[in-house]
Amino acid sequence: HSTLPSPGRTLGNVALMPLRQTTKGSARGPAPLTSDEDIIDQTINLFKANILFKNFEMETDVDRVLVYVTLYIIECLKRLQKIPNAERATQDMFSAALEPFSIPGEAGFPLNAFYTKPGGEAEEMKKYFVQIRHETGARLAEKVFDPSLSPDGGPAKWWTCWAKRKFLNVALDKRR
């Protein structure tokens, strides 16, 4: 569970968390700026522990963001394990963030039972999720291609070994 407090504003029942913006594409969206640890940092740090859960009780609207980011990390790892170097990884993660995806309330979204449809805020939620996807992909690429974990310049097996795991027995992308 996230230790970050809920900022109060939500889209549907998903907290609109402040993000530490480290990529160009992530500045366009509704998430406020922060320079502190954000939900993406926390999710990446807790990923290896959280991935082992088959059940996860969502206690707050912040936990819904944590679950979404965790599921997106798995999708990113599936792609990153096939990429030869950090430069290509960064490009691929940028592209992945912009690919079509489902939001709560749409047929392809895997956890509709736990998320409410955003109503009139659907476009804003889509932009927020794109922000989250940009930041998550960029920061994860840095971790997966960290030279201290993978001296040969390829993806670190310490991270890619988790690509085949499922979190809560669901996947964001039904095709994979």
Protein backbone atom coordinates (compact mmCIF):
# COMPACT_ATOMS: atom_id res chain seq x y z
CA HIS A 1 0.00 0.00 0.00
CA SER A 2 1.08 3.51 -0.71
CA THR A 3 2.25 5.69 2.14
CA LEU A 4 1.57 8.87 0.16
CA PRO A 5 -1.43 10.93 1.27
CA SER A 6 -4.37 11.43 -1.05
CA PRO A 7 -4.22 14.88 -2.65
CA GLY A 8 -8.00 15.18 -2.45
CA ARG A 9 -8.75 15.59 -6.16
CA THR A 10 -9.82 12.45 -8.03
CA LEU A 11 -10.75 11.38 -11.54
CA GLY A 12 -13.43 8.74 -11.09
CA ASN A 13 -12.09 7.11 -7.93
CA VAL A 14 -8.41 7.44 -8.92
CA ALA A 15 -6.32 9.98 -7.00
CA LEU A 16 -4.84 12.78 -9.11
CA MET A 17 -1.35 12.44 -7.64
CA PRO A 18 1.41 15.01 -8.11
CA LEU A 19 4.21 13.76 -10.37
CA ARG A 20 7.91 14.50 -10.49
CA GLN A 21 8.17 15.25 -14.18
CA THR A 22 11.39 13.95 -15.73
CA THR A 23 10.34 13.54 -19.38
CA LYS A 24 9.18 15.99 -22.03
CA GLY A 25 5.87 14.28 -22.77
CA SER A 26 4.74 14.08 -19.17
CA ALA A 27 4.32 17.84 -18.67
CA ARG A 28 1.09 17.87 -20.70
CA GLY A 29 -1.62 16.64 -18.39
CA PRO A 30 -3.62 17.34 -15.25
CA ALA A 31 -1.13 16.04 -12.64
CA PRO A 32 0.39 18.77 -10.47
CA LEU A 33 4.19 19.06 -10.19
CA THR A 34 6.24 17.90 -7.23
CA SER A 35 9.95 17.59 -6.49
CA ASP A 36 9.42 14.99 -3.75
CA GLU A 37 9.07 11.23 -4.06
CA ASP A 38 5.94 10.55 -6.08
CA ILE A 39 3.65 7.57 -6.66
CA ILE A 40 5.80 6.32 -9.56
CA ASP A 41 8.99 6.31 -7.46
CA GLN A 42 7.13 4.52 -4.69
CA THR A 43 5.57 1.94 -7.04
CA ILE A 44 8.91 1.14 -8.70
CA ASN A 45 10.53 0.77 -5.27
CA LEU A 46 7.73 -1.52 -4.01
CA PHE A 47 7.30 -3.40 -7.30
CA LYS A 48 9.26 -6.53 -6.45
CA ALA A 49 7.34 -7.00 -3.20
CA ASN A 50 3.93 -6.10 -4.63
CA ILE A 51 4.23 -8.33 -7.70
CA LEU A 52 4.01 -11.39 -5.47
CA PHE A 53 0.47 -10.52 -4.30
CA LYS A 54 -2.49 -12.44 -5.71
CA ASN A 55 -4.85 -10.23 -3.70
CA PHE A 56 -4.54 -6.54 -2.95
CA GLU A 57 -7.09 -4.61 -0.93
CA MET A 58 -7.40 -1.10 -2.29
CA GLU A 59 -7.75 1.00 0.82
CA THR A 60 -7.50 4.47 -0.76
CA ASP A 61 -7.77 6.19 -4.11
CA VAL A 62 -3.95 6.37 -4.08
CA ASP A 63 -3.77 2.55 -4.02
CA ARG A 64 -5.67 2.50 -7.33
CA VAL A 65 -2.87 4.55 -8.90
CA LEU A 66 -0.28 2.19 -7.37
CA VAL A 67 -2.08 -0.84 -8.84
CA TYR A 68 -2.33 0.75 -12.29
CA VAL A 69 1.36 1.70 -12.29
CA THR A 70 2.32 -1.82 -11.13
CA LEU A 71 0.35 -3.35 -14.01
CA TYR A 72 1.93 -0.90 -16.45
CA ILE A 73 5.43 -1.76 -15.16
CA ILE A 74 4.80 -5.39 -16.11
CA GLU A 75 3.81 -4.35 -19.64
CA CYS A 76 6.97 -2.22 -19.86
CA LEU A 77 9.18 -5.07 -18.64
CA LYS A 78 7.76 -7.36 -21.35
CA ARG A 79 8.94 -4.86 -23.94
CA LEU A 80 12.23 -3.90 -22.28
CA GLN A 81 13.50 -7.48 -22.05
CA LYS A 82 13.65 -7.58 -25.88
CA ILE A 83 15.46 -4.25 -26.34
CA PRO A 84 19.27 -4.21 -26.73
CA ASN A 85 20.22 -0.82 -25.24
CA ALA A 86 19.09 2.11 -23.09
CA GLU A 87 18.63 4.55 -25.97
CA ARG A 88 16.21 2.26 -27.82
CA ALA A 89 14.49 1.49 -24.51
CA THR A 90 13.79 5.17 -23.87
CA GLN A 91 12.36 5.58 -27.37
CA ASP A 92 10.20 2.48 -27.02
CA MET A 93 8.87 3.53 -23.63
CA PHE A 94 7.91 6.94 -25.06
CA SER A 95 6.03 5.21 -27.90
CA ALA A 96 4.39 2.72 -25.53
CA ALA A 97 2.94 5.55 -23.43
CA LEU A 98 1.14 6.92 -26.50
CA GLU A 99 -0.29 3.63 -27.76
CA PRO A 100 -4.06 3.17 -27.44
CA PHE A 101 -5.17 1.87 -24.03
CA SER A 102 -8.38 1.45 -22.07
CA ILE A 103 -9.39 3.53 -19.07
CA PRO A 104 -11.83 2.56 -16.29
CA GLY A 105 -15.32 2.01 -17.63
CA GLU A 106 -14.15 0.87 -21.07
CA ALA A 107 -14.48 -2.77 -22.13
CA GLY A 108 -10.72 -3.50 -22.31
CA PHE A 109 -9.86 -2.23 -18.82
CA PRO A 110 -9.04 -5.28 -16.64
CA LEU A 111 -10.08 -3.93 -13.22
CA ASN A 112 -13.43 -2.26 -13.89
CA ALA A 113 -14.82 -3.83 -10.72
CA PHE A 114 -12.44 -1.69 -8.60
CA TYR A 115 -12.41 1.56 -10.56
CA THR A 116 -15.34 3.84 -11.32
CA LYS A 117 -15.97 5.31 -14.73
CA PRO A 118 -14.68 8.89 -14.84
CA GLY A 119 -17.91 10.30 -16.30
CA GLY A 120 -17.30 13.71 -17.89
CA GLU A 121 -13.61 13.54 -16.94
CA ALA A 122 -12.73 10.70 -19.35
CA GLU A 123 -10.44 12.84 -21.53
CA GLU A 124 -8.65 14.25 -18.48
CA MET A 125 -8.18 10.72 -17.08
CA LYS A 126 -6.73 9.60 -20.42
CA LYS A 127 -4.22 12.50 -20.28
CA TYR A 128 -3.37 11.66 -16.65
CA PHE A 129 -2.73 8.01 -17.52
CA VAL A 130 -0.52 9.11 -20.45
CA GLN A 131 1.47 11.25 -17.99
CA ILE A 132 1.81 8.28 -15.65
CA ARG A 133 2.83 5.99 -18.52
CA HIS A 134 5.49 8.45 -19.79
CA GLU A 135 7.06 8.87 -16.37
CA THR A 136 6.87 5.18 -15.47
CA GLY A 137 8.43 4.05 -18.76
CA ALA A 138 11.26 6.58 -18.63
CA ARG A 139 12.18 5.88 -15.00
CA LEU A 140 11.88 2.13 -15.44
CA ALA A 141 14.14 2.19 -18.51
CA GLU A 142 16.80 3.93 -16.36
CA LYS A 143 16.53 1.18 -13.75
CA VAL A 144 16.43 -1.76 -16.18
CA PHE A 145 19.44 -0.48 -18.13
CA ASP A 146 21.42 0.64 -15.06
CA PRO A 147 25.12 -0.07 -15.86
CA SER A 148 25.74 -1.31 -12.30
CA LEU A 149 23.14 -4.07 -12.79
CA SER A 150 23.97 -4.88 -16.41
CA PRO A 151 27.57 -4.05 -17.38
CA ASP A 152 27.06 -5.34 -20.96
CA GLY A 153 24.54 -2.54 -21.68
CA GLY A 154 21.56 -4.86 -22.08
CA PRO A 155 18.51 -5.13 -19.86
CA ALA A 156 19.18 -6.26 -16.29
CA LYS A 157 17.85 -9.74 -15.64
CA TRP A 158 17.24 -8.60 -12.06
CA TRP A 159 14.30 -6.65 -13.51
CA THR A 160 13.28 -8.58 -16.62
CA CYS A 161 12.78 -11.80 -14.66
CA TRP A 162 9.51 -10.26 -13.40
CA ALA A 163 8.03 -9.72 -16.88
CA LYS A 164 6.29 -13.10 -16.92
CA ARG A 165 4.58 -12.59 -13.54
CA LYS A 166 1.04 -11.38 -13.25
CA PHE A 167 -0.15 -8.99 -10.57
CA LEU A 168 -3.63 -9.81 -9.25
CA ASN A 169 -3.87 -12.35 -12.10
CA VAL A 170 -4.60 -9.61 -14.66
CA ALA A 171 -2.75 -7.78 -17.42
CA LEU A 172 -3.35 -4.31 -18.82
CA ASP A 173 -2.78 -5.51 -22.37
CA LYS A 174 -4.98 -8.48 -23.22
CA ARG A 175 -2.98 -9.26 -26.38
CA ARG A 176 0.18 -10.34 -24.54
